[in-house]
Amino acid sequence: MGTNTVEIRLGELADIDSWMELVETVRESFPGLETREDMEAHRNTVLEFLRRRSAVCALQDRKVVGALLFSREESALCFLAVDAAWRRQHIAEKMVGYALGLLPPERDISVTTYREGAPGGAAARAFYKQMGFQEGELTEEFGSPVQVFTRKR
């Protein structure tokens, strides 16, 4: 499975079912996706991001293996996930790079991720640091402690 077979592009409404199949496989890593109602609400959120052309996906044979939601208004990355079988192939890096090109170049970019010491958070924190994000404010999302990371432009 080489990354040369993966296409990075803006998501389309037709990608929603495959997108949600990916989310289903990673949902235990994301606060706020615990129940069926949470997943239905997330699906509606993804559809809205797809309509606003604020969703990037990585596809392999029309299957979504990476997903990224971003906000132009808030200059923020909102959700990032890569299928476990496709990790360590620079897919997240390519999706973030693609999204950065669509965000306002004059504004800093923020993302929220695990706090230091959180179970499962080390890889995400290391990834954002490698991408040039710096640690910032400690806060909460969906009742979970998180930290804001910012990338200066």
N, C-alpha and C. Protein backbone atom coordinates (compact mmCIF):
# COMPACT_ATOMS: atom_id res chain seq x y z
N MET A 1 0.84 -1.19 0.00
CA MET A 1 0.00 0.00 0.00
C MET A 1 0.88 1.24 0.00
N GLY A 2 1.20 1.75 -1.14
CA GLY A 2 2.02 2.94 -1.22
C GLY A 2 1.17 4.18 -1.29
N THR A 3 1.73 5.30 -0.80
CA THR A 3 0.97 6.55 -0.81
C THR A 3 0.72 7.03 -2.23
N ASN A 4 1.48 6.50 -3.23
CA ASN A 4 1.25 6.95 -4.59
C ASN A 4 -0.13 6.55 -5.10
N THR A 5 -0.81 5.64 -4.42
CA THR A 5 -2.15 5.23 -4.84
C THR A 5 -3.22 6.05 -4.12
N VAL A 6 -2.82 6.99 -3.27
CA VAL A 6 -3.78 7.77 -2.50
C VAL A 6 -3.94 9.15 -3.13
N GLU A 7 -5.20 9.53 -3.35
CA GLU A 7 -5.52 10.84 -3.92
C GLU A 7 -5.98 11.76 -2.79
N ILE A 8 -5.42 12.97 -2.73
CA ILE A 8 -5.84 13.98 -1.76
C ILE A 8 -6.67 15.02 -2.52
N ARG A 9 -7.91 15.26 -2.07
CA ARG A 9 -8.76 16.24 -2.74
C ARG A 9 -9.83 16.73 -1.78
N LEU A 10 -10.55 17.77 -2.20
CA LEU A 10 -11.71 18.21 -1.43
C LEU A 10 -12.74 17.09 -1.44
N GLY A 11 -13.37 16.88 -0.30
CA GLY A 11 -14.41 15.88 -0.21
C GLY A 11 -15.65 16.31 -0.97
N GLU A 12 -16.43 15.34 -1.38
CA GLU A 12 -17.69 15.58 -2.10
C GLU A 12 -18.81 14.88 -1.33
N LEU A 13 -20.04 15.33 -1.55
CA LEU A 13 -21.18 14.73 -0.85
C LEU A 13 -21.22 13.22 -1.06
N ALA A 14 -20.81 12.75 -2.22
CA ALA A 14 -20.82 11.31 -2.52
C ALA A 14 -19.85 10.53 -1.63
N ASP A 15 -18.92 11.22 -0.97
CA ASP A 15 -17.94 10.54 -0.10
C ASP A 15 -18.47 10.26 1.30
N ILE A 16 -19.66 10.74 1.65
CA ILE A 16 -20.12 10.72 3.04
C ILE A 16 -20.16 9.32 3.64
N ASP A 17 -20.65 8.33 2.94
CA ASP A 17 -20.77 6.99 3.54
C ASP A 17 -19.39 6.40 3.84
N SER A 18 -18.47 6.52 2.90
CA SER A 18 -17.12 6.02 3.12
C SER A 18 -16.43 6.83 4.22
N TRP A 19 -16.66 8.15 4.24
CA TRP A 19 -16.10 9.02 5.28
C TRP A 19 -16.54 8.52 6.66
N MET A 20 -17.84 8.26 6.81
CA MET A 20 -18.37 7.84 8.10
C MET A 20 -17.91 6.43 8.47
N GLU A 21 -17.63 5.58 7.48
CA GLU A 21 -17.05 4.27 7.79
C GLU A 21 -15.69 4.45 8.45
N LEU A 22 -14.89 5.40 7.94
CA LEU A 22 -13.60 5.69 8.56
C LEU A 22 -13.81 6.22 9.98
N VAL A 23 -14.72 7.18 10.15
CA VAL A 23 -14.98 7.75 11.48
C VAL A 23 -15.38 6.66 12.46
N GLU A 24 -16.19 5.71 12.00
CA GLU A 24 -16.62 4.60 12.86
C GLU A 24 -15.41 3.84 13.41
N THR A 25 -14.37 3.67 12.61
CA THR A 25 -13.20 2.91 13.05
C THR A 25 -12.31 3.68 14.02
N VAL A 26 -12.43 5.01 14.07
CA VAL A 26 -11.56 5.82 14.94
C VAL A 26 -12.32 6.53 16.05
N ARG A 27 -13.62 6.33 16.13
CA ARG A 27 -14.45 7.14 17.03
C ARG A 27 -14.06 7.07 18.50
N GLU A 28 -13.45 5.94 18.93
CA GLU A 28 -13.05 5.83 20.34
C GLU A 28 -11.93 6.81 20.69
N SER A 29 -11.26 7.35 19.68
CA SER A 29 -10.18 8.31 19.92
C SER A 29 -10.68 9.76 19.99
N PHE A 30 -11.98 9.97 19.72
CA PHE A 30 -12.52 11.32 19.66
C PHE A 30 -13.67 11.52 20.65
N PRO A 31 -13.47 12.41 21.63
CA PRO A 31 -14.58 12.74 22.52
C PRO A 31 -15.75 13.30 21.70
N GLY A 32 -16.97 12.97 22.11
CA GLY A 32 -18.14 13.50 21.43
C GLY A 32 -18.68 12.59 20.34
N LEU A 33 -18.10 11.39 20.19
CA LEU A 33 -18.60 10.43 19.19
C LEU A 33 -19.03 9.11 19.85
N GLU A 34 -19.42 9.19 21.11
CA GLU A 34 -19.69 7.97 21.87
C GLU A 34 -20.98 7.26 21.46
N THR A 35 -22.06 8.01 21.23
CA THR A 35 -23.36 7.38 21.00
C THR A 35 -23.76 7.42 19.52
N ARG A 36 -24.82 6.69 19.21
CA ARG A 36 -25.35 6.70 17.84
C ARG A 36 -25.83 8.11 17.48
N GLU A 37 -26.41 8.81 18.48
CA GLU A 37 -26.86 10.18 18.26
C GLU A 37 -25.67 11.10 17.96
N ASP A 38 -24.56 10.89 18.70
CA ASP A 38 -23.34 11.66 18.45
C ASP A 38 -22.86 11.44 17.01
N MET A 39 -22.89 10.19 16.58
CA MET A 39 -22.41 9.87 15.24
C MET A 39 -23.32 10.48 14.17
N GLU A 40 -24.62 10.48 14.43
CA GLU A 40 -25.56 11.09 13.48
C GLU A 40 -25.34 12.60 13.40
N ALA A 41 -25.09 13.22 14.55
CA ALA A 41 -24.79 14.66 14.58
C ALA A 41 -23.48 14.94 13.84
N HIS A 42 -22.48 14.06 14.03
CA HIS A 42 -21.20 14.23 13.35
C HIS A 42 -21.39 14.10 11.83
N ARG A 43 -22.21 13.14 11.43
CA ARG A 43 -22.49 12.96 9.99
C ARG A 43 -23.07 14.26 9.41
N ASN A 44 -24.01 14.87 10.13
CA ASN A 44 -24.61 16.13 9.66
C ASN A 44 -23.57 17.24 9.60
N THR A 45 -22.67 17.27 10.58
CA THR A 45 -21.58 18.25 10.58
C THR A 45 -20.69 18.05 9.36
N VAL A 46 -20.32 16.80 9.10
CA VAL A 46 -19.47 16.50 7.95
C VAL A 46 -20.17 16.94 6.65
N LEU A 47 -21.46 16.65 6.54
CA LEU A 47 -22.19 17.06 5.34
C LEU A 47 -22.14 18.57 5.16
N GLU A 48 -22.26 19.31 6.26
CA GLU A 48 -22.18 20.77 6.18
C GLU A 48 -20.79 21.21 5.73
N PHE A 49 -19.74 20.61 6.27
CA PHE A 49 -18.37 20.94 5.85
C PHE A 49 -18.17 20.58 4.37
N LEU A 50 -18.72 19.45 3.93
CA LEU A 50 -18.61 19.06 2.52
C LEU A 50 -19.29 20.11 1.63
N ARG A 51 -20.46 20.56 2.04
CA ARG A 51 -21.18 21.59 1.25
C ARG A 51 -20.38 22.89 1.18
N ARG A 52 -19.68 23.22 2.27
CA ARG A 52 -18.88 24.47 2.31
C ARG A 52 -17.50 24.30 1.69
N ARG A 53 -17.23 23.10 1.15
CA ARG A 53 -15.92 22.79 0.56
C ARG A 53 -14.81 23.01 1.58
N SER A 54 -15.06 22.51 2.80
CA SER A 54 -14.12 22.62 3.92
C SER A 54 -13.79 21.24 4.48
N ALA A 55 -13.73 20.26 3.58
CA ALA A 55 -13.43 18.88 3.97
C ALA A 55 -12.42 18.32 2.96
N VAL A 56 -11.32 17.81 3.47
CA VAL A 56 -10.30 17.20 2.63
C VAL A 56 -10.30 15.71 2.90
N CYS A 57 -10.20 14.92 1.85
CA CYS A 57 -10.12 13.49 2.09
C CYS A 57 -8.98 12.87 1.29
N ALA A 58 -8.51 11.77 1.83
CA ALA A 58 -7.52 10.94 1.15
C ALA A 58 -8.27 9.69 0.70
N LEU A 59 -8.21 9.41 -0.58
CA LEU A 59 -8.94 8.27 -1.13
C LEU A 59 -8.00 7.26 -1.76
N GLN A 60 -8.33 6.01 -1.54
CA GLN A 60 -7.64 4.91 -2.19
C GLN A 60 -8.73 4.06 -2.81
N ASP A 61 -8.77 4.01 -4.14
CA ASP A 61 -9.85 3.30 -4.85
C ASP A 61 -11.22 3.73 -4.34
N ARG A 62 -11.46 5.03 -4.27
CA ARG A 62 -12.73 5.64 -3.86
C ARG A 62 -13.11 5.38 -2.40
N LYS A 63 -12.21 4.77 -1.63
CA LYS A 63 -12.43 4.55 -0.20
C LYS A 63 -11.72 5.65 0.57
N VAL A 64 -12.44 6.29 1.49
CA VAL A 64 -11.84 7.35 2.30
C VAL A 64 -10.93 6.70 3.35
N VAL A 65 -9.63 6.99 3.26
CA VAL A 65 -8.66 6.46 4.22
C VAL A 65 -8.09 7.57 5.10
N GLY A 66 -8.45 8.82 4.79
CA GLY A 66 -8.06 9.96 5.60
C GLY A 66 -9.12 11.04 5.49
N ALA A 67 -9.36 11.75 6.60
CA ALA A 67 -10.41 12.76 6.64
C ALA A 67 -9.95 13.97 7.44
N LEU A 68 -10.22 15.15 6.91
CA LEU A 68 -9.85 16.40 7.57
C LEU A 68 -10.94 17.43 7.35
N LEU A 69 -11.45 17.98 8.46
CA LEU A 69 -12.39 19.10 8.39
C LEU A 69 -11.65 20.35 8.82
N PHE A 70 -11.91 21.47 8.13
CA PHE A 70 -11.26 22.73 8.50
C PHE A 70 -12.24 23.88 8.36
N SER A 71 -11.95 24.96 9.06
CA SER A 71 -12.80 26.15 9.04
C SER A 71 -12.01 27.33 8.51
N ARG A 72 -12.45 27.87 7.37
CA ARG A 72 -11.83 29.08 6.83
C ARG A 72 -12.12 30.26 7.76
N GLU A 73 -13.34 30.32 8.29
CA GLU A 73 -13.77 31.44 9.14
C GLU A 73 -12.92 31.52 10.40
N GLU A 74 -12.66 30.37 11.02
CA GLU A 74 -11.90 30.35 12.28
C GLU A 74 -10.43 30.06 12.04
N SER A 75 -10.05 29.84 10.78
CA SER A 75 -8.67 29.48 10.43
C SER A 75 -8.19 28.35 11.35
N ALA A 76 -8.93 27.24 11.29
CA ALA A 76 -8.69 26.13 12.21
C ALA A 76 -8.85 24.78 11.53
N LEU A 77 -8.09 23.81 12.01
CA LEU A 77 -8.30 22.42 11.65
C LEU A 77 -9.25 21.87 12.71
N CYS A 78 -10.31 21.19 12.29
CA CYS A 78 -11.38 20.79 13.22
C CYS A 78 -11.43 19.30 13.51
N PHE A 79 -10.99 18.48 12.58
CA PHE A 79 -11.07 17.02 12.76
C PHE A 79 -10.07 16.41 11.79
N LEU A 80 -9.26 15.49 12.27
CA LEU A 80 -8.27 14.83 11.42
C LEU A 80 -8.17 13.37 11.83
N ALA A 81 -8.34 12.47 10.86
CA ALA A 81 -8.24 11.04 11.14
C ALA A 81 -7.69 10.33 9.92
N VAL A 82 -6.88 9.29 10.18
CA VAL A 82 -6.37 8.43 9.11
C VAL A 82 -6.62 6.99 9.53
N ASP A 83 -7.10 6.20 8.59
CA ASP A 83 -7.33 4.78 8.80
C ASP A 83 -6.05 4.14 9.35
N ALA A 84 -6.19 3.31 10.38
CA ALA A 84 -5.02 2.70 11.03
C ALA A 84 -4.11 1.97 10.03
N ALA A 85 -4.69 1.34 9.03
CA ALA A 85 -3.89 0.59 8.05
C ALA A 85 -3.09 1.51 7.14
N TRP A 86 -3.42 2.79 7.13
CA TRP A 86 -2.76 3.74 6.23
C TRP A 86 -1.89 4.75 6.96
N ARG A 87 -1.70 4.58 8.26
CA ARG A 87 -0.87 5.51 9.01
C ARG A 87 0.61 5.34 8.67
N ARG A 88 1.40 6.35 9.01
CA ARG A 88 2.85 6.36 8.77
C ARG A 88 3.20 6.39 7.29
N GLN A 89 2.29 6.97 6.49
CA GLN A 89 2.54 7.12 5.05
C GLN A 89 2.39 8.58 4.63
N HIS A 90 2.44 9.48 5.60
CA HIS A 90 2.40 10.93 5.36
C HIS A 90 1.06 11.42 4.82
N ILE A 91 0.00 10.64 5.01
CA ILE A 91 -1.32 11.04 4.51
C ILE A 91 -1.84 12.24 5.29
N ALA A 92 -1.72 12.21 6.63
CA ALA A 92 -2.19 13.35 7.44
C ALA A 92 -1.41 14.61 7.05
N GLU A 93 -0.12 14.47 6.87
CA GLU A 93 0.74 15.60 6.48
C GLU A 93 0.26 16.18 5.14
N LYS A 94 -0.04 15.33 4.17
CA LYS A 94 -0.49 15.79 2.86
C LYS A 94 -1.86 16.47 2.95
N MET A 95 -2.77 15.92 3.77
CA MET A 95 -4.09 16.54 3.92
C MET A 95 -3.98 17.90 4.58
N VAL A 96 -3.16 17.99 5.65
CA VAL A 96 -2.97 19.27 6.33
C VAL A 96 -2.34 20.28 5.37
N GLY A 97 -1.34 19.86 4.61
CA GLY A 97 -0.72 20.74 3.62
C GLY A 97 -1.73 21.26 2.61
N TYR A 98 -2.60 20.38 2.16
CA TYR A 98 -3.66 20.75 1.20
C TYR A 98 -4.58 21.79 1.83
N ALA A 99 -5.01 21.55 3.07
CA ALA A 99 -5.92 22.48 3.76
C ALA A 99 -5.24 23.82 4.02
N LEU A 100 -3.96 23.80 4.38
CA LEU A 100 -3.25 25.06 4.65
C LEU A 100 -3.28 25.96 3.43
N GLY A 101 -3.22 25.36 2.24
CA GLY A 101 -3.28 26.13 1.00
C GLY A 101 -4.63 26.76 0.75
N LEU A 102 -5.67 26.32 1.46
CA LEU A 102 -7.02 26.85 1.28
C LEU A 102 -7.42 27.82 2.39
N LEU A 103 -6.58 27.92 3.43
CA LEU A 103 -6.88 28.81 4.55
C LEU A 103 -6.25 30.18 4.31
N PRO A 104 -6.83 31.24 4.91
CA PRO A 104 -6.31 32.59 4.71
C PRO A 104 -4.82 32.66 5.07
N PRO A 105 -3.96 33.07 4.12
CA PRO A 105 -2.51 33.03 4.34
C PRO A 105 -2.02 34.01 5.40
N GLU A 106 -2.83 35.01 5.71
CA GLU A 106 -2.39 36.03 6.68
C GLU A 106 -2.75 35.67 8.12
N ARG A 107 -3.51 34.61 8.30
CA ARG A 107 -3.99 34.27 9.66
C ARG A 107 -3.30 33.03 10.20
N ASP A 108 -3.00 33.05 11.51
CA ASP A 108 -2.47 31.87 12.18
C ASP A 108 -3.54 30.78 12.15
N ILE A 109 -3.10 29.53 12.24
CA ILE A 109 -4.01 28.40 12.18
C ILE A 109 -3.99 27.68 13.52
N SER A 110 -5.16 27.31 14.01
CA SER A 110 -5.22 26.61 15.29
C SER A 110 -5.82 25.22 15.12
N VAL A 111 -5.51 24.37 16.09
CA VAL A 111 -6.08 23.03 16.15
C VAL A 111 -6.11 22.65 17.63
N THR A 112 -7.09 21.86 18.01
CA THR A 112 -7.14 21.38 19.39
C THR A 112 -6.81 19.90 19.37
N THR A 113 -6.01 19.48 20.35
CA THR A 113 -5.65 18.06 20.43
C THR A 113 -5.49 17.68 21.90
N TYR A 114 -5.07 16.46 22.11
CA TYR A 114 -4.90 15.94 23.46
C TYR A 114 -3.93 16.81 24.27
N ARG A 115 -4.15 16.85 25.58
CA ARG A 115 -3.18 17.46 26.47
C ARG A 115 -2.02 16.49 26.67
N GLU A 116 -0.89 17.05 27.09
CA GLU A 116 0.28 16.22 27.37
C GLU A 116 -0.07 15.16 28.41
N GLY A 117 0.38 13.92 28.17
CA GLY A 117 0.12 12.84 29.11
C GLY A 117 -1.19 12.11 28.89
N ALA A 118 -2.04 12.62 27.97
CA ALA A 118 -3.33 11.96 27.71
C ALA A 118 -3.09 10.63 27.01
N PRO A 119 -3.84 9.59 27.38
CA PRO A 119 -3.67 8.29 26.71
C PRO A 119 -3.93 8.44 25.21
N GLY A 120 -3.02 7.93 24.40
CA GLY A 120 -3.21 7.99 22.95
C GLY A 120 -2.90 9.34 22.33
N GLY A 121 -2.47 10.30 23.12
CA GLY A 121 -2.27 11.65 22.60
C GLY A 121 -0.88 11.96 22.11
N ALA A 122 0.10 11.13 22.45
CA ALA A 122 1.50 11.45 22.12
C ALA A 122 1.72 11.58 20.61
N ALA A 123 1.16 10.67 19.82
CA ALA A 123 1.37 10.70 18.37
C ALA A 123 0.76 11.96 17.75
N ALA A 124 -0.45 12.30 18.16
CA ALA A 124 -1.10 13.49 17.61
C ALA A 124 -0.32 14.76 17.97
N ARG A 125 0.10 14.85 19.21
CA ARG A 125 0.86 16.03 19.65
C ARG A 125 2.18 16.14 18.88
N ALA A 126 2.88 15.01 18.72
CA ALA A 126 4.14 15.01 17.97
C ALA A 126 3.91 15.41 16.52
N PHE A 127 2.81 14.93 15.93
CA PHE A 127 2.49 15.26 14.54
C PHE A 127 2.31 16.77 14.37
N TYR A 128 1.48 17.37 15.22
CA TYR A 128 1.23 18.81 15.06
C TYR A 128 2.50 19.63 15.30
N LYS A 129 3.33 19.21 16.24
CA LYS A 129 4.59 19.92 16.47
C LYS A 129 5.47 19.81 15.22
N GLN A 130 5.54 18.63 14.63
CA GLN A 130 6.32 18.42 13.42
C GLN A 130 5.80 19.30 12.28
N MET A 131 4.50 19.57 12.27
CA MET A 131 3.88 20.40 11.22
C MET A 131 4.00 21.90 11.53
N GLY A 132 4.72 22.24 12.60
CA GLY A 132 4.98 23.65 12.88
C GLY A 132 4.01 24.31 13.85
N PHE A 133 3.16 23.51 14.50
CA PHE A 133 2.23 24.05 15.49
C PHE A 133 2.91 24.12 16.84
N GLN A 134 2.57 25.15 17.61
CA GLN A 134 3.15 25.33 18.94
C GLN A 134 2.06 25.22 20.00
N GLU A 135 2.46 24.67 21.16
CA GLU A 135 1.52 24.48 22.26
C GLU A 135 0.98 25.81 22.76
N GLY A 136 -0.32 25.81 23.09
CA GLY A 136 -0.96 27.01 23.61
C GLY A 136 -1.90 26.70 24.75
N GLU A 137 -3.03 27.38 24.73
CA GLU A 137 -4.00 27.36 25.82
C GLU A 137 -4.54 25.96 26.13
N LEU A 138 -4.70 25.69 27.44
CA LEU A 138 -5.37 24.47 27.89
C LEU A 138 -6.86 24.78 28.01
N THR A 139 -7.70 23.90 27.47
CA THR A 139 -9.15 24.14 27.49
C THR A 139 -9.88 22.80 27.51
N GLU A 140 -11.18 22.80 27.22
CA GLU A 140 -11.97 21.56 27.17
C GLU A 140 -12.83 21.55 25.93
N GLU A 141 -13.04 20.35 25.39
CA GLU A 141 -13.97 20.13 24.29
C GLU A 141 -14.72 18.84 24.56
N PHE A 142 -16.04 18.87 24.39
CA PHE A 142 -16.88 17.69 24.63
C PHE A 142 -16.59 17.09 26.00
N GLY A 143 -16.30 17.95 26.99
CA GLY A 143 -16.06 17.50 28.34
C GLY A 143 -14.69 16.87 28.57
N SER A 144 -13.81 16.94 27.58
CA SER A 144 -12.47 16.36 27.72
C SER A 144 -11.41 17.46 27.74
N PRO A 145 -10.38 17.29 28.57
CA PRO A 145 -9.30 18.27 28.60
C PRO A 145 -8.48 18.21 27.31
N VAL A 146 -8.27 19.37 26.67
CA VAL A 146 -7.52 19.45 25.42
C VAL A 146 -6.57 20.64 25.46
N GLN A 147 -5.73 20.75 24.45
CA GLN A 147 -4.82 21.88 24.34
C GLN A 147 -4.89 22.44 22.92
N VAL A 148 -4.89 23.76 22.84
CA VAL A 148 -4.85 24.44 21.56
C VAL A 148 -3.41 24.52 21.06
N PHE A 149 -3.20 24.18 19.82
CA PHE A 149 -1.90 24.35 19.17
C PHE A 149 -2.09 25.38 18.07
N THR A 150 -1.10 26.25 17.85
CA THR A 150 -1.20 27.29 16.83
C THR A 150 0.01 27.25 15.91
N ARG A 151 -0.26 27.44 14.64
CA ARG A 151 0.81 27.55 13.65
C ARG A 151 0.82 28.99 13.16
N LYS A 152 1.93 29.68 13.43
CA LYS A 152 2.08 31.07 13.02
C LYS A 152 2.31 31.12 11.52
N ARG A 153 1.76 32.14 10.88
CA ARG A 153 1.94 32.32 9.42
C ARG A 153 2.96 33.38 9.14
